[in-house]
Amino acid sequence: VQLVESGGGLVQPGGTLRLSCAASGLSFSDHYMNWVRQAPGKGLEWVAGINTDDSTYYADSMNGQFTISRDNAKNMLYLRVNSLKPEDTALYYCAASGIMDYWGKGTLVTVSS
């Protein structure tokens, strides 16, 4: 199983990014998918999840800033992040939940002017 995140980088405060996660080696459409982030020096923070029926869930603290989506035909997971703030700087992971959990290696988002 491979989960490969992309789309991170340096962005100015107030900017927008779309993160992507390419999945292979698993039945993607049968897995609940998540985005989880880890800010420098802090623990893991669950950001959002999307079920196999495309129902979406977000951490209460995210204030509508994030939009998770998936394309089962392409085995792709996405996270659109609006109004980026310096405190959104983190390594963003995608993770698949099922009988076993799988994680990617993350993509780094740095929000700075």
Protein backbone atom coordinates (compact mmCIF):
# COMPACT_ATOMS: atom_id res chain seq x y z
CA VAL A 1 0.00 0.00 0.00
CA GLN A 2 1.23 3.47 -0.87
CA LEU A 3 -0.21 6.83 0.00
CA VAL A 4 1.73 9.70 -1.54
CA GLU A 5 0.88 13.27 -0.61
CA SER A 6 1.71 16.29 -2.73
CA GLY A 7 0.82 19.94 -3.10
CA GLY A 8 2.52 21.37 -0.06
CA GLY A 9 4.90 24.28 -0.12
CA LEU A 10 5.45 27.81 1.01
CA VAL A 11 2.38 30.01 0.89
CA GLN A 12 1.64 33.48 2.17
CA PRO A 13 -0.92 34.07 4.90
CA GLY A 14 -4.39 34.24 3.44
CA GLY A 15 -3.45 31.96 0.57
CA THR A 16 -5.03 28.73 -0.63
CA LEU A 17 -3.59 25.30 -1.28
CA ARG A 18 -4.95 22.04 -2.58
CA LEU A 19 -3.22 19.00 -1.20
CA SER A 20 -3.47 15.68 -3.02
CA CYS A 21 -2.95 12.09 -1.97
CA ALA A 22 -2.44 9.34 -4.51
CA ALA A 23 -3.39 5.90 -3.23
CA SER A 24 -2.31 2.55 -4.60
CA GLY A 25 -2.31 -1.05 -3.46
CA LEU A 26 -5.60 -0.87 -1.61
CA SER A 27 -9.28 -0.81 -2.44
CA PHE A 28 -9.47 2.95 -2.17
CA SER A 29 -13.23 3.25 -2.53
CA ASP A 30 -13.71 0.89 0.43
CA HIS A 31 -11.67 2.98 2.85
CA TYR A 32 -12.53 5.91 5.08
CA MET A 33 -9.87 8.51 4.31
CA ASN A 34 -8.41 11.15 6.57
CA TRP A 35 -6.16 14.17 6.60
CA VAL A 36 -4.07 14.54 9.73
CA ARG A 37 -1.47 17.22 10.43
CA GLN A 38 1.44 17.71 12.76
CA ALA A 39 2.72 21.18 13.49
CA PRO A 40 6.38 21.63 14.44
CA GLY A 41 6.94 20.42 17.97
CA LYS A 42 3.32 19.35 18.44
CA GLY A 43 1.32 16.15 18.30
CA LEU A 44 -0.88 14.76 15.58
CA GLU A 45 -4.12 16.62 14.89
CA TRP A 46 -6.96 15.08 12.92
CA VAL A 47 -8.22 17.57 10.35
CA ALA A 48 -10.92 15.93 8.25
CA GLY A 49 -12.34 12.62 7.11
CA ILE A 50 -14.43 11.37 4.22
CA ASN A 51 -16.43 8.20 4.25
CA THR A 52 -16.96 5.72 1.45
CA ASP A 53 -20.32 7.37 0.74
CA ASP A 54 -18.61 10.78 0.40
CA SER A 55 -19.97 12.07 3.71
CA THR A 56 -17.44 14.46 5.21
CA TYR A 57 -16.35 15.27 8.73
CA TYR A 58 -14.16 18.03 10.10
CA ALA A 59 -12.48 18.83 13.37
CA ASP A 60 -14.51 21.43 15.24
CA SER A 61 -11.59 23.83 15.34
CA MET A 62 -11.23 24.03 11.57
CA ASN A 63 -13.93 26.72 11.16
CA GLY A 64 -14.81 25.84 7.59
CA GLN A 65 -11.30 26.42 6.41
CA PHE A 66 -10.83 22.94 4.96
CA THR A 67 -12.65 20.95 2.29
CA ILE A 68 -11.96 17.26 1.89
CA SER A 69 -12.93 15.37 -1.24
CA ARG A 70 -12.12 12.16 -3.04
CA ASP A 71 -12.12 10.78 -6.57
CA ASN A 72 -12.56 7.03 -6.37
CA ALA A 73 -12.07 6.61 -10.13
CA LYS A 74 -8.57 8.09 -9.79
CA ASN A 75 -7.78 6.75 -6.30
CA MET A 76 -7.17 10.33 -5.18
CA LEU A 77 -7.87 12.21 -1.97
CA TYR A 78 -7.81 16.00 -1.77
CA LEU A 79 -7.77 18.72 0.85
CA ARG A 80 -8.44 22.31 -0.08
CA VAL A 81 -7.25 24.75 2.53
CA ASN A 82 -8.38 28.38 2.44
CA SER A 83 -7.31 31.45 4.38
CA LEU A 84 -4.06 29.91 5.48
CA LYS A 85 -2.53 31.18 8.70
CA PRO A 86 0.96 30.73 10.11
CA GLU A 87 -0.46 28.30 12.66
CA ASP A 88 -1.52 26.04 9.78
CA THR A 89 2.16 25.32 9.15
CA ALA A 90 2.47 21.57 9.51
CA LEU A 91 3.24 18.27 7.89
CA TYR A 92 -0.04 17.08 6.38
CA TYR A 93 -0.62 13.35 6.15
CA CYS A 94 -3.29 11.35 4.42
CA ALA A 95 -4.34 8.16 6.13
CA ALA A 96 -6.62 5.30 5.19
CA SER A 97 -8.76 3.69 7.89
CA GLY A 98 -9.97 0.14 7.63
CA ILE A 99 -9.10 -3.27 8.98
CA MET A 100 -5.60 -1.85 8.89
CA ASP A 101 -4.57 1.81 8.88
CA TYR A 102 -2.17 3.18 6.31
CA TRP A 103 -0.32 6.49 6.33
CA GLY A 104 1.61 8.48 3.80
CA LYS A 105 4.85 10.29 4.54
CA GLY A 106 3.28 13.71 4.47
CA THR A 107 3.59 16.96 2.57
CA LEU A 108 4.91 20.06 4.28
CA VAL A 109 2.86 23.23 4.28
CA THR A 110 4.64 26.38 5.43
CA VAL A 111 2.61 29.55 5.85
CA SER A 112 4.82 32.58 6.07
CA SER A 113 5.23 36.03 4.59
